[in-house]
């Protein structure tokens, strides 16, 4: 009987530890819910904080569930040992001398264990069970938010990459046009300038355009023509 009594008291003592630790985790969960409302709106920072919260909640939920399981085990331990205690008490009552043996204090302990200790653990479990459900709901909600925000970030990243690719193509096209134009102009200028064999003289109505001026004009026209043809060609390739 003393062994059963010790087991009952020890189980209840352990239940207080489990309850206190679970209660602290429950309070932390409430604080986490409040902190979520104050998260920054900037996507990358917000997503990082959500991932950190999700990681912490996963560990906390595991510990919380473990404490609830311990409370259930401790309650079952008390009830089992109360039954064994009662059996021994009934045997003692059968062989006791009613006029001389007072076993009332033994019965009072049994009543206390059943009506106070075991019932208190049941109340604790009833209160803390909502926390386990809350952990599950919050974790699932955060996972959903993280998936949505990650999808939005990926879509934005794809959009930015597409704009960058378009800008790079436009720049490459411009470089091609300018390069071909300048190259063609230089070739034309070199070819025409080869025919210049006299120094420059002031222009007047009685004389034609000086060869150097003609060379410059042909160079400009060649540059424009080559650039235009290159632009049309690159535009057709981009459309295709």
C-alpha atoms as a PDB file:
ATOM      1  CA  UNK A   1       0.000   0.000   0.000  1.00  0.00           C
ATOM      2  CA  UNK A   2       2.827   2.385   0.833  1.00  0.00           C
ATOM      3  CA  UNK A   3       4.385   1.595  -2.533  1.00  0.00           C
ATOM      4  CA  UNK A   4       1.157   2.529  -4.347  1.00  0.00           C
ATOM      5  CA  UNK A   5       0.901   5.690  -2.297  1.00  0.00           C
ATOM      6  CA  UNK A   6       4.447   6.706  -3.231  1.00  0.00           C
ATOM      7  CA  UNK A   7       3.793   6.073  -6.909  1.00  0.00           C
ATOM      8  CA  UNK A   8       0.649   8.227  -6.774  1.00  0.00           C
ATOM      9  CA  UNK A   9       2.442  11.145  -5.143  1.00  0.00           C
ATOM     10  CA  UNK A  10       5.450  10.875  -7.452  1.00  0.00           C
ATOM     11  CA  UNK A  11       3.262  10.778 -10.563  1.00  0.00           C
ATOM     12  CA  UNK A  12       1.375  13.876  -9.422  1.00  0.00           C
ATOM     13  CA  UNK A  13       4.639  15.691  -8.675  1.00  0.00           C
ATOM     14  CA  UNK A  14       5.906  14.915 -12.175  1.00  0.00           C
ATOM     15  CA  UNK A  15       2.604  16.050 -13.632  1.00  0.00           C
ATOM     16  CA  UNK A  16       3.138  19.519 -12.131  1.00  0.00           C
ATOM     17  CA  UNK A  17       6.453  19.781 -13.964  1.00  0.00           C
ATOM     18  CA  UNK A  18       4.926  18.671 -17.245  1.00  0.00           C
ATOM     19  CA  UNK A  19       2.012  21.043 -16.818  1.00  0.00           C
ATOM     20  CA  UNK A  20       4.247  24.023 -16.049  1.00  0.00           C
ATOM     21  CA  UNK A  21       6.486  23.409 -19.059  1.00  0.00           C
ATOM     22  CA  UNK A  22       3.502  22.934 -21.358  1.00  0.00           C
ATOM     23  CA  UNK A  23       1.897  26.087 -19.977  1.00  0.00           C
ATOM     24  CA  UNK A  24       5.050  28.100 -20.717  1.00  0.00           C
ATOM     25  CA  UNK A  25       5.077  26.799 -24.282  1.00  0.00           C
ATOM     26  CA  UNK A  26       1.405  27.712 -24.622  1.00  0.00           C
ATOM     27  CA  UNK A  27       2.193  31.251 -23.496  1.00  0.00           C
ATOM     28  CA  UNK A  28       5.071  31.411 -25.982  1.00  0.00           C
ATOM     29  CA  UNK A  29       2.679  30.325 -28.715  1.00  0.00           C
ATOM     30  CA  UNK A  30       0.327  33.208 -27.901  1.00  0.00           C
ATOM     31  CA  UNK A  31       3.235  35.653 -28.035  1.00  0.00           C
ATOM     32  CA  UNK A  32       4.292  34.226 -31.398  1.00  0.00           C
ATOM     33  CA  UNK A  33       0.802  34.790 -32.785  1.00  0.00           C
ATOM     34  CA  UNK A  34       1.005  38.443 -31.733  1.00  0.00           C
ATOM     35  CA  UNK A  35       4.481  38.848 -33.233  1.00  0.00           C
ATOM     36  CA  UNK A  36       3.264  37.532 -36.599  1.00  0.00           C
ATOM     37  CA  UNK A  37       0.934  40.529 -36.856  1.00  0.00           C
ATOM     38  CA  UNK A  38       3.957  42.858 -36.616  1.00  0.00           C
ATOM     39  CA  UNK A  39       6.117  41.242 -39.285  1.00  0.00           C
ATOM     40  CA  UNK A  40       7.606  43.587 -41.931  1.00  0.00           C
ATOM     41  CA  UNK A  41       5.866  43.892 -45.274  1.00  0.00           C
ATOM     42  CA  UNK A  42       9.058  43.544 -47.334  1.00  0.00           C
ATOM     43  CA  UNK A  43       8.775  40.143 -49.017  1.00  0.00           C
ATOM     44  CA  UNK A  44      12.283  38.698 -48.571  1.00  0.00           C
ATOM     45  CA  UNK A  45      12.636  39.716 -44.917  1.00  0.00           C
ATOM     46  CA  UNK A  46       9.071  38.650 -44.161  1.00  0.00           C
ATOM     47  CA  UNK A  47       9.600  35.254 -45.774  1.00  0.00           C
ATOM     48  CA  UNK A  48      12.820  34.709 -43.815  1.00  0.00           C
ATOM     49  CA  UNK A  49      11.097  35.510 -40.522  1.00  0.00           C
ATOM     50  CA  UNK A  50       8.202  33.201 -41.391  1.00  0.00           C
ATOM     51  CA  UNK A  51      10.657  30.364 -42.029  1.00  0.00           C
ATOM     52  CA  UNK A  52      12.368  30.995 -38.685  1.00  0.00           C
ATOM     53  CA  UNK A  53       9.018  31.052 -36.869  1.00  0.00           C
ATOM     54  CA  UNK A  54       7.925  27.870 -38.623  1.00  0.00           C
ATOM     55  CA  UNK A  55      11.146  26.106 -37.628  1.00  0.00           C
ATOM     56  CA  UNK A  56      10.789  27.159 -33.978  1.00  0.00           C
ATOM     57  CA  UNK A  57       7.109  26.237 -33.836  1.00  0.00           C
ATOM     58  CA  UNK A  58       7.832  22.761 -35.175  1.00  0.00           C
ATOM     59  CA  UNK A  59      10.253  22.065 -32.307  1.00  0.00           C
ATOM     60  CA  UNK A  60       7.921  23.645 -29.755  1.00  0.00           C
ATOM     61  CA  UNK A  61       4.952  21.626 -31.004  1.00  0.00           C
ATOM     62  CA  UNK A  62       6.967  18.433 -30.556  1.00  0.00           C
ATOM     63  CA  UNK A  63       7.848  19.359 -26.948  1.00  0.00           C
ATOM     64  CA  UNK A  64       4.285  20.452 -26.250  1.00  0.00           C
ATOM     65  CA  UNK A  65       2.861  17.156 -27.472  1.00  0.00           C
ATOM     66  CA  UNK A  66       5.422  15.279 -25.389  1.00  0.00           C
ATOM     67  CA  UNK A  67       4.343  17.128 -22.227  1.00  0.00           C
ATOM     68  CA  UNK A  68       0.683  16.335 -22.919  1.00  0.00           C
ATOM     69  CA  UNK A  69       1.553  12.685 -23.424  1.00  0.00           C
ATOM     70  CA  UNK A  70       3.445  12.700 -20.126  1.00  0.00           C
ATOM     71  CA  UNK A  71       0.402  14.176 -18.373  1.00  0.00           C
ATOM     72  CA  UNK A  72      -1.786  11.424 -19.792  1.00  0.00           C
ATOM     73  CA  UNK A  73       0.692   8.777 -18.631  1.00  0.00           C
ATOM     74  CA  UNK A  74       0.906  10.333 -15.168  1.00  0.00           C
ATOM     75  CA  UNK A  75      -2.872  10.452 -14.890  1.00  0.00           C
ATOM     76  CA  UNK A  76      -3.114   6.804 -15.909  1.00  0.00           C
ATOM     77  CA  UNK A  77      -0.414   5.961 -13.334  1.00  0.00           C
ATOM     78  CA  UNK A  78      -2.408   7.625 -10.558  1.00  0.00           C
ATOM     79  CA  UNK A  79      -5.646   5.888 -11.527  1.00  0.00           C
ATOM     80  CA  UNK A  80      -3.960   2.474 -11.781  1.00  0.00           C
ATOM     81  CA  UNK A  81      -2.240   2.798  -8.421  1.00  0.00           C
ATOM     82  CA  UNK A  82      -5.445   4.085  -6.837  1.00  0.00           C
ATOM     83  CA  UNK A  83      -7.169   0.884  -7.923  1.00  0.00           C
ATOM     84  CA  UNK A  84      -4.382  -1.230  -6.469  1.00  0.00           C
ATOM     85  CA  UNK A  85      -4.399   0.886  -3.310  1.00  0.00           C
ATOM     86  CA  UNK A  86      -8.148   0.385  -2.970  1.00  0.00           C
ATOM     87  CA  UNK A  87      -7.830  -3.384  -3.319  1.00  0.00           C
ATOM     88  CA  UNK A  88      -5.260  -3.547  -0.524  1.00  0.00           C
ATOM     89  CA  UNK A  89      -7.347  -1.197   1.632  1.00  0.00           C
ATOM     90  CA  UNK A  90     -10.392  -3.400   1.240  1.00  0.00           C
ATOM     91  CA  UNK A  91      -8.348  -6.407   2.320  1.00  0.00           C
ATOM     92  CA  UNK A  92      -7.135  -4.527   5.381  1.00  0.00           C
ATOM     93  CA  UNK A  93     -10.653  -3.506   6.263  1.00  0.00           C
ATOM     94  CA  UNK A  94     -11.740  -7.135   6.208  1.00  0.00           C
ATOM     95  CA  UNK A  95      -9.116  -8.246   8.701  1.00  0.00           C
ATOM     96  CA  UNK A  96      -9.023  -5.099  10.843  1.00  0.00           C
ATOM     97  CA  UNK A  97     -10.549  -4.815  14.295  1.00  0.00           C
ATOM     98  CA  UNK A  98     -13.318  -2.306  13.892  1.00  0.00           C
ATOM     99  CA  UNK A  99     -13.262  -1.346  17.550  1.00  0.00           C
ATOM    100  CA  UNK A 100      -9.508  -0.748  17.667  1.00  0.00           C
ATOM    101  CA  UNK A 101      -8.172  -0.139  14.116  1.00  0.00           C
ATOM    102  CA  UNK A 102      -8.839   3.221  12.516  1.00  0.00           C
ATOM    103  CA  UNK A 103      -8.275   3.030   8.766  1.00  0.00           C
ATOM    104  CA  UNK A 104     -10.114   6.229   7.932  1.00  0.00           C
ATOM    105  CA  UNK A 105      -6.930   8.154   7.073  1.00  0.00           C
ATOM    106  CA  UNK A 106      -6.117   5.540   4.446  1.00  0.00           C
ATOM    107  CA  UNK A 107      -9.517   6.008   2.864  1.00  0.00           C
ATOM    108  CA  UNK A 108      -9.121   9.771   2.965  1.00  0.00           C
ATOM    109  CA  UNK A 109      -5.870   9.573   1.025  1.00  0.00           C
ATOM    110  CA  UNK A 110      -7.563   7.423  -1.619  1.00  0.00           C
ATOM    111  CA  UNK A 111     -10.407   9.918  -1.929  1.00  0.00           C
ATOM    112  CA  UNK A 112      -7.920  12.766  -2.183  1.00  0.00           C
ATOM    113  CA  UNK A 113      -5.935  10.979  -4.898  1.00  0.00           C
ATOM    114  CA  UNK A 114      -9.038  10.230  -6.963  1.00  0.00           C
ATOM    115  CA  UNK A 115     -11.048  13.413  -6.429  1.00  0.00           C
ATOM    116  CA  UNK A 116      -8.257  15.967  -6.318  1.00  0.00           C
ATOM    117  CA  UNK A 117      -5.030  14.725  -7.885  1.00  0.00           C
ATOM    118  CA  UNK A 118      -6.399  12.742 -10.813  1.00  0.00           C
ATOM    119  CA  UNK A 119      -9.136  15.295 -11.494  1.00  0.00           C
ATOM    120  CA  UNK A 120      -6.636  18.144 -11.518  1.00  0.00           C
ATOM    121  CA  UNK A 121      -4.586  16.431 -14.211  1.00  0.00           C
ATOM    122  CA  UNK A 122      -7.749  15.919 -16.276  1.00  0.00           C
ATOM    123  CA  UNK A 123      -8.542  19.634 -15.998  1.00  0.00           C
ATOM    124  CA  UNK A 124      -4.990  20.476 -17.058  1.00  0.00           C
ATOM    125  CA  UNK A 125      -5.256  18.204 -20.064  1.00  0.00           C
ATOM    126  CA  UNK A 126      -8.564  19.762 -21.060  1.00  0.00           C
ATOM    127  CA  UNK A 127      -7.019  23.234 -20.915  1.00  0.00           C
ATOM    128  CA  UNK A 128      -3.814  22.342 -22.753  1.00  0.00           C
ATOM    129  CA  UNK A 129      -5.403  20.259 -25.500  1.00  0.00           C
ATOM    130  CA  UNK A 130      -6.581  23.452 -27.225  1.00  0.00           C
ATOM    131  CA  UNK A 131      -2.932  24.500 -27.434  1.00  0.00           C
ATOM    132  CA  UNK A 132      -2.034  21.375 -29.388  1.00  0.00           C
ATOM    133  CA  UNK A 133      -4.775  22.173 -31.899  1.00  0.00           C
ATOM    134  CA  UNK A 134      -3.626  25.791 -32.061  1.00  0.00           C
ATOM    135  CA  UNK A 135      -0.052  24.715 -32.799  1.00  0.00           C
ATOM    136  CA  UNK A 136      -1.280  22.592 -35.678  1.00  0.00           C
ATOM    137  CA  UNK A 137      -3.473  25.357 -37.110  1.00  0.00           C
ATOM    138  CA  UNK A 138      -0.779  28.034 -36.920  1.00  0.00           C
ATOM    139  CA  UNK A 139       1.900  25.808 -38.455  1.00  0.00           C
ATOM    140  CA  UNK A 140      -0.405  24.898 -41.350  1.00  0.00           C
ATOM    141  CA  UNK A 141      -1.381  28.547 -41.843  1.00  0.00           C
ATOM    142  CA  UNK A 142       2.236  29.722 -41.926  1.00  0.00           C
ATOM    143  CA  UNK A 143       3.156  26.974 -44.376  1.00  0.00           C
ATOM    144  CA  UNK A 144       0.356  28.151 -46.649  1.00  0.00           C
ATOM    145  CA  UNK A 145       1.508  31.777 -46.410  1.00  0.00           C
ATOM    146  CA  UNK A 146       5.123  30.801 -47.102  1.00  0.00           C
ATOM    147  CA  UNK A 147       4.116  28.810 -50.189  1.00  0.00           C
ATOM    148  CA  UNK A 148       2.059  31.725 -51.532  1.00  0.00           C
ATOM    149  CA  UNK A 149       4.783  34.312 -50.926  1.00  0.00           C
ATOM    150  CA  UNK A 150       7.464  32.057 -52.406  1.00  0.00           C
ATOM    151  CA  UNK A 151       5.321  31.642 -55.523  1.00  0.00           C
ATOM    152  CA  UNK A 152       4.880  35.425 -55.753  1.00  0.00           C
ATOM    153  CA  UNK A 153       8.630  35.983 -55.388  1.00  0.00           C
ATOM    154  CA  UNK A 154       9.363  33.397 -58.077  1.00  0.00           C
ATOM    155  CA  UNK A 155       6.857  35.065 -60.413  1.00  0.00           C
ATOM    156  CA  UNK A 156       8.441  38.465 -59.766  1.00  0.00           C
ATOM    157  CA  UNK A 157      11.903  36.992 -60.338  1.00  0.00           C
ATOM    158  CA  UNK A 158      10.824  35.498 -63.668  1.00  0.00           C
ATOM    159  CA  UNK A 159       9.327  38.844 -64.663  1.00  0.00           C
ATOM    160  CA  UNK A 160      12.531  40.716 -63.811  1.00  0.00           C
ATOM    161  CA  UNK A 161      14.660  38.164 -65.671  1.00  0.00           C
ATOM    162  CA  UNK A 162      12.440  38.562 -68.738  1.00  0.00           C
ATOM    163  CA  UNK A 163      12.842  42.346 -68.618  1.00  0.00           C
ATOM    164  CA  UNK A 164      16.605  41.991 -68.223  1.00  0.00           C
ATOM    165  CA  UNK A 165      16.789  39.595 -71.162  1.00  0.00           C
ATOM    166  CA  UNK A 166      14.773  42.018 -73.294  1.00  0.00           C
ATOM    167  CA  UNK A 167      17.047  44.882 -72.270  1.00  0.00           C
ATOM    168  CA  UNK A 168      20.149  42.824 -73.090  1.00  0.00           C
ATOM    169  CA  UNK A 169      18.742  41.980 -76.528  1.00  0.00           C
ATOM    170  CA  UNK A 170      17.955  45.636 -77.183  1.00  0.00           C
ATOM    171  CA  UNK A 171      21.464  46.663 -76.131  1.00  0.00           C
ATOM    172  CA  UNK A 172      23.038  43.968 -78.283  1.00  0.00           C
ATOM    173  CA  UNK A 173      20.923  45.097 -81.222  1.00  0.00           C
ATOM    174  CA  UNK A 174      21.995  48.717 -80.749  1.00  0.00           C
ATOM    175  CA  UNK A 175      25.647  47.714 -80.588  1.00  0.00           C
ATOM    176  CA  UNK A 176      25.282  45.702 -83.798  1.00  0.00           C
ATOM    177  CA  UNK A 177      23.621  48.579 -85.630  1.00  0.00           C
ATOM    178  CA  UNK A 178      26.190  51.131 -84.492  1.00  0.00           C
ATOM    179  CA  UNK A 179      29.121  48.816 -85.120  1.00  0.00           C
ATOM    180  CA  UNK A 180      28.048  47.834 -88.623  1.00  0.00           C
ATOM    181  CA  UNK A 181      27.187  51.429 -89.478  1.00  0.00           C
ATOM    182  CA  UNK A 182      30.487  52.801 -88.303  1.00  0.00           C
ATOM    183  CA  UNK A 183      32.411  50.017 -89.977  1.00  0.00           C
ATOM    184  CA  UNK A 184      30.632  50.534 -93.292  1.00  0.00           C
ATOM    185  CA  UNK A 185      31.124  54.276 -93.082  1.00  0.00           C
ATOM    186  CA  UNK A 186      34.816  53.837 -92.420  1.00  0.00           C
ATOM    187  CA  UNK A 187      35.196  51.487 -95.373  1.00  0.00           C
ATOM    188  CA  UNK A 188      33.313  53.869 -97.659  1.00  0.00           C
ATOM    189  CA  UNK A 189      35.359  56.820 -96.485  1.00  0.00           C
ATOM    190  CA  UNK A 190      38.589  54.936 -97.032  1.00  0.00           C
ATOM    191  CA  UNK A 191      37.564  53.871-100.534  1.00  0.00           C
ATOM    192  CA  UNK A 192      36.455  57.318-101.637  1.00  0.00           C
ATOM    193  CA  UNK A 193      39.294  59.204 -99.992  1.00  0.00           C
ATOM    194  CA  UNK A 194      41.714  57.205-102.070  1.00  0.00           C
ATOM    195  CA  UNK A 195      40.653  59.335-105.050  1.00  0.00           C
ATOM    196  CA  UNK A 196      41.398  62.643-103.311  1.00  0.00           C
ATOM    197  CA  UNK A 197      44.535  63.984-104.993  1.00  0.00           C
ATOM    198  CA  UNK A 198      44.354  67.742-104.566  1.00  0.00           C
ATOM    199  CA  UNK A 199      44.134  70.106-101.596  1.00  0.00           C
ATOM    200  CA  UNK A 200      40.937  71.673-100.434  1.00  0.00           C
ATOM    201  CA  UNK A 201      39.819  74.898-102.107  1.00  0.00           C
ATOM    202  CA  UNK A 202      36.945  77.240-101.132  1.00  0.00           C
ATOM    203  CA  UNK A 203      33.704  76.270-102.793  1.00  0.00           C
ATOM    204  CA  UNK A 204      32.118  78.568-105.347  1.00  0.00           C
ATOM    205  CA  UNK A 205      29.301  78.204-107.859  1.00  0.00           C
ATOM    206  CA  UNK A 206      31.736  77.688-110.726  1.00  0.00           C
ATOM    207  CA  UNK A 207      33.370  74.601-109.223  1.00  0.00           C
ATOM    208  CA  UNK A 208      31.916  71.182-108.193  1.00  0.00           C
ATOM    209  CA  UNK A 209      31.971  69.768-104.645  1.00  0.00           C
ATOM    210  CA  UNK A 210      35.450  69.098-103.341  1.00  0.00           C
ATOM    211  CA  UNK A 211      36.383  65.370-103.189  1.00  0.00           C
ATOM    212  CA  UNK A 212      36.919  65.482 -99.399  1.00  0.00           C
ATOM    213  CA  UNK A 213      33.392  66.779 -98.860  1.00  0.00           C
ATOM    214  CA  UNK A 214      32.078  64.130-101.190  1.00  0.00           C
ATOM    215  CA  UNK A 215      33.979  61.482 -99.246  1.00  0.00           C
ATOM    216  CA  UNK A 216      32.506  62.668 -95.977  1.00  0.00           C
ATOM    217  CA  UNK A 217      28.969  62.672 -97.365  1.00  0.00           C
ATOM    218  CA  UNK A 218      29.336  59.175 -98.791  1.00  0.00           C
ATOM    219  CA  UNK A 219      30.715  57.965 -95.451  1.00  0.00           C
ATOM    220  CA  UNK A 220      27.708  59.347 -93.593  1.00  0.00           C
ATOM    221  CA  UNK A 221      25.279  57.872 -96.113  1.00  0.00           C
ATOM    222  CA  UNK A 222      26.996  54.478 -95.929  1.00  0.00           C
ATOM    223  CA  UNK A 223      26.873  54.551 -92.134  1.00  0.00           C
ATOM    224  CA  UNK A 224      23.149  55.364 -92.115  1.00  0.00           C
ATOM    225  CA  UNK A 225      22.312  52.788 -94.785  1.00  0.00           C
ATOM    226  CA  UNK A 226      24.290  49.998 -93.120  1.00  0.00           C
ATOM    227  CA  UNK A 227      22.845  50.846 -89.722  1.00  0.00           C
ATOM    228  CA  UNK A 228      19.292  50.859 -91.093  1.00  0.00           C
ATOM    229  CA  UNK A 229      19.731  47.519 -92.842  1.00  0.00           C
ATOM    230  CA  UNK A 230      21.223  45.992 -89.696  1.00  0.00           C
ATOM    231  CA  UNK A 231      18.354  47.352 -87.592  1.00  0.00           C
ATOM    232  CA  UNK A 232      15.748  45.868 -89.947  1.00  0.00           C
ATOM    233  CA  UNK A 233      17.546  42.521 -90.001  1.00  0.00           C
ATOM    234  CA  UNK A 234      17.844  42.295 -86.203  1.00  0.00           C
ATOM    235  CA  UNK A 235      14.215  43.347 -85.780  1.00  0.00           C
ATOM    236  CA  UNK A 236      13.058  40.549 -88.084  1.00  0.00           C
ATOM    237  CA  UNK A 237      15.136  38.002 -86.146  1.00  0.00           C
ATOM    238  CA  UNK A 238      13.699  39.188 -82.829  1.00  0.00           C
ATOM    239  CA  UNK A 239      10.136  38.898 -84.151  1.00  0.00           C
ATOM    240  CA  UNK A 240      10.815  35.395 -85.411  1.00  0.00           C
END
